[in-house]
Amino acid sequence: MEYITQNLEVSNEIEILIFKKDGEMLLLKSFVYDVVSPTEIVISNPIYENKLFPLHRGNVHNFRFYKENMGMFLFKGTIGDRIKFDNLPAMKITQSTDCKKIQRRRFFRLDCLINGTLTKEEVVEVDMKKVNSRLANNPNVIVETEEVVEVQETIEIVDISGGGLKAISRTSHENDEIVNGKFVLNGLEITFEGTIVRNIPQSDGSFDIGIKFTGMSSSIQNQIIRYIFQKQRVMREKGLI
């Protein structure tokens, strides 16, 4: 058996995937408190909506974790005893299946076609013709020759993950440029702050841009991840992936 402890260590983050009867998935975050044996760990009791989430002894769930430079790993684990670890609520998890590497990325990506908007700040020159001539010629008045304005553009999002998105833009961007964006996903308006990590010109004059999310709440990020999992689940059932 491929043991979880070959790649999982104390203090690592671990996620629990809970599939409800209505098909919705909950993504719960936890941390590894202790490694008991090659197939048994102690994790923190996950919190959902500001309360300890009840995981029942004997239930089997999917667990996943990310190992830097190695990728994402997935295994099934059985909920064991509830205990206290350093006086904190915790539980034992026993590995039930092999620990398999499922991808190199931390976040799953989903192909899509969603309209969105990007807003960024640009420094532009002030049109001196619009400045009152009396002010411009008054030596006691300082007239700014540049101003900061917000520029908004429409983008087409072509794939999305919990960590960022890929989009088609009609505007060229600089790497490390900070942008604010907005799009609607499954009826929910998502706003984010991000950093441009890729800007590749295309033959039609557009630009293939990559954006890494840098300012997004974990609850919104989890909603994106749940949406992606649900879509992928439907696609698997239809034999599309």
Protein backbone atom coordinates (compact mmCIF):
# COMPACT_ATOMS: atom_id res chain seq x y z
CA MET A 1 0.00 0.00 0.00
CA GLU A 2 1.12 3.54 -0.76
CA TYR A 3 1.13 5.02 2.75
CA ILE A 4 -0.15 8.54 3.36
CA THR A 5 2.73 9.30 5.70
CA GLN A 6 5.23 8.92 2.84
CA ASN A 7 4.18 12.41 1.71
CA LEU A 8 2.12 13.79 4.62
CA GLU A 9 3.73 15.45 7.64
CA VAL A 10 2.71 17.12 10.88
CA SER A 11 1.24 20.64 10.34
CA ASN A 12 0.35 19.91 6.70
CA GLU A 13 -3.07 21.08 5.53
CA ILE A 14 -5.49 18.32 4.58
CA GLU A 15 -8.94 18.62 2.99
CA ILE A 16 -11.99 16.42 3.54
CA LEU A 17 -14.48 15.99 0.69
CA ILE A 18 -18.02 15.40 1.94
CA PHE A 19 -20.59 14.40 -0.70
CA LYS A 20 -24.17 15.09 0.43
CA LYS A 21 -27.27 13.21 -0.73
CA ASP A 22 -28.36 16.10 -2.98
CA GLY A 23 -25.07 15.87 -4.89
CA GLU A 24 -23.54 18.97 -3.29
CA MET A 25 -19.99 18.71 -2.05
CA LEU A 26 -18.58 20.27 1.09
CA LEU A 27 -14.86 20.96 1.20
CA LEU A 28 -13.61 21.04 4.78
CA LYS A 29 -10.11 22.12 5.76
CA SER A 30 -8.10 20.53 8.55
CA PHE A 31 -4.49 20.17 9.73
CA VAL A 32 -2.36 17.18 10.66
CA TYR A 33 -1.66 17.23 14.39
CA ASP A 34 0.22 13.95 14.70
CA VAL A 35 1.39 10.88 12.78
CA VAL A 36 0.51 7.76 14.81
CA SER A 37 1.57 5.08 12.30
CA PRO A 38 2.14 4.77 8.53
CA THR A 39 -1.64 4.50 8.05
CA GLU A 40 -3.01 6.56 10.96
CA ILE A 41 -2.95 10.29 11.62
CA VAL A 42 -4.56 12.74 14.02
CA ILE A 43 -6.19 15.80 12.46
CA SER A 44 -7.95 18.89 13.74
CA ASN A 45 -11.75 18.79 13.84
CA PRO A 46 -12.81 20.80 10.75
CA ILE A 47 -14.95 23.88 11.20
CA TYR A 48 -17.93 24.71 8.99
CA GLU A 49 -19.98 27.91 9.35
CA ASN A 50 -18.10 28.74 12.57
CA LYS A 51 -19.00 25.41 14.19
CA LEU A 52 -17.21 22.10 14.62
CA PHE A 53 -18.37 19.87 11.78
CA PRO A 54 -19.69 16.49 13.02
CA LEU A 55 -17.77 13.64 11.41
CA HIS A 56 -19.08 10.30 12.68
CA ARG A 57 -16.93 7.38 13.79
CA GLY A 58 -16.73 4.64 11.18
CA ASN A 59 -17.68 6.81 8.21
CA VAL A 60 -15.37 6.73 5.18
CA HIS A 61 -14.56 9.96 3.33
CA ASN A 62 -12.21 11.19 0.62
CA PHE A 63 -9.18 13.11 1.84
CA ARG A 64 -6.69 15.07 -0.22
CA PHE A 65 -3.53 17.06 0.39
CA TYR A 66 -0.98 18.98 -1.65
CA LYS A 67 2.76 18.35 -1.55
CA GLU A 68 4.95 21.15 -2.86
CA ASN A 69 6.70 20.26 -6.14
CA MET A 70 4.96 16.87 -6.19
CA GLY A 71 1.26 17.52 -6.64
CA MET A 72 -2.13 16.59 -5.21
CA PHE A 73 -2.73 13.27 -3.44
CA LEU A 74 -6.05 11.55 -2.72
CA PHE A 75 -7.02 8.68 -0.39
CA LYS A 76 -10.03 7.30 1.46
CA GLY A 77 -9.91 7.36 5.24
CA THR A 78 -12.08 6.04 8.07
CA ILE A 79 -13.09 8.36 10.89
CA GLY A 80 -11.85 7.04 14.23
CA ASP A 81 -11.99 8.18 17.84
CA ARG A 82 -12.58 11.79 18.78
CA ILE A 83 -9.80 12.93 21.07
CA LYS A 84 -8.17 16.03 22.52
CA PHE A 85 -4.76 17.00 21.18
CA ASP A 86 -3.06 19.69 23.27
CA ASN A 87 -6.57 20.35 24.59
CA LEU A 88 -7.90 20.97 21.06
CA PRO A 89 -10.71 18.93 19.44
CA ALA A 90 -9.22 16.32 17.12
CA MET A 91 -9.91 12.93 15.58
CA LYS A 92 -8.02 9.89 14.37
CA ILE A 93 -8.09 8.97 10.68
CA THR A 94 -7.11 5.53 9.38
CA GLN A 95 -6.09 5.13 5.75
CA SER A 96 -8.48 2.79 3.88
CA THR A 97 -7.07 2.86 0.32
CA ASP A 98 -3.81 3.56 -1.48
CA CYS A 99 -2.67 7.18 -1.49
CA LYS A 100 -2.68 8.16 -5.16
CA LYS A 101 -1.26 11.22 -6.88
CA ILE A 102 -4.07 12.70 -8.97
CA GLN A 103 -2.46 15.80 -10.49
CA ARG A 104 0.47 18.18 -10.17
CA ARG A 105 -1.62 21.29 -9.66
CA ARG A 106 -2.98 22.27 -6.28
CA PHE A 107 -6.35 23.23 -7.76
CA PHE A 108 -8.47 21.42 -10.32
CA ARG A 109 -9.20 23.41 -13.47
CA LEU A 110 -12.47 23.52 -15.37
CA ASP A 111 -12.86 24.61 -18.99
CA CYS A 112 -15.63 27.18 -19.27
CA LEU A 113 -16.79 30.25 -21.16
CA ILE A 114 -17.78 33.05 -18.77
CA ASN A 115 -17.85 36.80 -19.32
CA GLY A 116 -16.10 38.88 -16.70
CA THR A 117 -14.63 42.30 -16.11
CA LEU A 118 -11.20 43.50 -15.03
CA THR A 119 -10.41 46.85 -13.45
CA LYS A 120 -6.94 48.28 -13.03
CA GLU A 121 -5.45 51.63 -12.12
CA GLU A 122 -3.50 53.58 -14.73
CA VAL A 123 -1.58 56.83 -14.53
CA VAL A 124 -2.54 59.18 -17.38
CA GLU A 125 -1.58 62.72 -18.32
CA VAL A 126 -4.04 65.46 -17.41
CA ASP A 127 -5.58 67.21 -20.40
CA MET A 128 -4.30 70.72 -19.70
CA LYS A 129 -6.86 72.15 -22.12
CA LYS A 130 -9.52 71.18 -19.62
CA VAL A 131 -7.75 72.88 -16.73
CA ASN A 132 -9.04 76.36 -15.95
CA SER A 133 -6.53 78.76 -17.57
CA ARG A 134 -6.51 81.02 -14.51
CA LEU A 135 -5.47 78.09 -12.32
CA ALA A 136 -2.88 76.85 -14.80
CA ASN A 137 -1.19 80.27 -15.00
CA ASN A 138 -1.37 80.99 -11.28
CA PRO A 139 2.11 80.43 -9.74
CA ASN A 140 0.53 79.85 -6.31
CA VAL A 141 -1.50 76.88 -7.56
CA ILE A 142 0.09 73.49 -8.09
CA VAL A 143 -1.52 71.75 -11.04
CA GLU A 144 -0.99 67.99 -11.23
CA THR A 145 0.03 66.89 -14.72
CA GLU A 146 -0.88 63.22 -14.08
CA GLU A 147 -3.82 61.49 -12.49
CA VAL A 148 -4.78 57.95 -11.54
CA VAL A 149 -7.87 56.58 -13.28
CA GLU A 150 -9.65 53.23 -13.19
CA VAL A 151 -9.77 51.40 -16.52
CA GLN A 152 -12.30 48.62 -16.99
CA GLU A 153 -12.37 45.95 -19.68
CA THR A 154 -14.44 42.89 -20.54
CA ILE A 155 -12.72 39.50 -20.62
CA GLU A 156 -13.74 35.98 -21.62
CA ILE A 157 -12.81 33.42 -18.95
CA VAL A 158 -11.92 30.11 -20.59
CA ASP A 159 -10.85 28.08 -17.57
CA ILE A 160 -11.05 28.51 -13.82
CA SER A 161 -9.74 26.94 -10.63
CA GLY A 162 -9.69 27.74 -6.95
CA GLY A 163 -6.34 29.45 -7.44
CA GLY A 164 -6.89 31.55 -10.54
CA LEU A 165 -8.20 31.74 -14.07
CA LYS A 166 -7.25 31.89 -17.73
CA ALA A 167 -8.94 34.48 -19.93
CA ILE A 168 -8.91 36.17 -23.31
CA SER A 169 -8.33 39.93 -23.13
CA ARG A 170 -8.28 42.63 -25.79
CA THR A 171 -5.72 44.54 -23.74
CA SER A 172 -2.07 43.74 -23.11
CA HIS A 173 -1.03 43.42 -19.46
CA GLU A 174 2.27 43.38 -17.62
CA ASN A 175 3.38 40.40 -15.54
CA ASP A 176 2.89 41.05 -11.79
CA GLU A 177 0.30 43.70 -12.60
CA ILE A 178 -2.45 43.88 -9.95
CA VAL A 179 -6.03 43.78 -11.17
CA ASN A 180 -9.50 43.58 -9.64
CA GLY A 181 -12.11 41.45 -11.31
CA LYS A 182 -15.69 40.27 -11.24
CA PHE A 183 -17.68 37.43 -12.80
CA VAL A 184 -20.82 35.42 -12.11
CA LEU A 185 -20.49 31.71 -11.36
CA ASN A 186 -23.59 29.56 -10.92
CA GLY A 187 -25.64 32.65 -10.06
CA LEU A 188 -23.09 33.93 -7.53
CA GLU A 189 -21.19 37.16 -8.17
CA ILE A 190 -17.48 36.59 -7.53
CA THR A 191 -15.16 39.52 -6.91
CA PHE A 192 -11.42 39.09 -6.60
CA GLU A 193 -8.03 40.72 -6.55
CA GLY A 194 -5.40 39.05 -8.67
CA THR A 195 -1.95 39.24 -10.20
CA ILE A 196 -1.18 38.80 -13.90
CA VAL A 197 1.14 35.80 -14.27
CA ARG A 198 0.93 35.36 -18.06
CA ASN A 199 0.28 37.63 -21.04
CA ILE A 200 0.70 35.96 -24.44
CA PRO A 201 -0.26 37.83 -27.66
CA GLN A 202 -2.46 35.89 -30.10
CA SER A 203 -2.67 36.09 -33.91
CA ASP A 204 -6.09 37.82 -33.81
CA GLY A 205 -4.76 40.70 -31.69
CA SER A 206 -6.10 39.38 -28.39
CA PHE A 207 -4.04 38.28 -25.39
CA ASP A 208 -4.06 35.00 -23.50
CA ILE A 209 -3.75 36.08 -19.85
CA GLY A 210 -3.35 34.10 -16.65
CA ILE A 211 -4.47 35.55 -13.31
CA LYS A 212 -3.56 34.23 -9.87
CA PHE A 213 -6.09 35.01 -7.13
CA THR A 214 -4.42 36.95 -4.31
CA GLY A 215 -7.34 38.61 -2.54
CA MET A 216 -10.23 36.17 -2.13
CA SER A 217 -11.93 34.84 0.98
CA SER A 218 -11.64 31.10 1.69
CA SER A 219 -15.44 30.76 1.64
CA ILE A 220 -15.65 32.15 -1.92
CA GLN A 221 -12.68 30.04 -2.98
CA ASN A 222 -14.39 26.93 -1.58
CA GLN A 223 -17.57 27.74 -3.51
CA ILE A 224 -15.54 27.84 -6.74
CA ILE A 225 -13.91 24.51 -5.88
CA ARG A 226 -17.28 22.91 -5.05
CA TYR A 227 -18.73 24.15 -8.34
CA ILE A 228 -15.80 22.65 -10.28
CA PHE A 229 -16.11 19.30 -8.50
CA GLN A 230 -19.84 19.14 -9.15
CA LYS A 231 -19.36 19.92 -12.86
CA GLN A 232 -16.60 17.32 -13.17
CA ARG A 233 -18.74 14.77 -11.37
CA VAL A 234 -21.56 15.27 -13.89
CA MET A 235 -19.11 15.05 -16.80
CA ARG A 236 -17.69 11.77 -15.46
CA GLU A 237 -21.18 10.32 -15.13
CA LYS A 238 -21.81 11.24 -18.78
CA GLY A 239 -18.49 9.72 -19.84
CA LEU A 240 -17.14 13.07 -21.05
CA ILE A 241 -13.97 12.84 -18.96
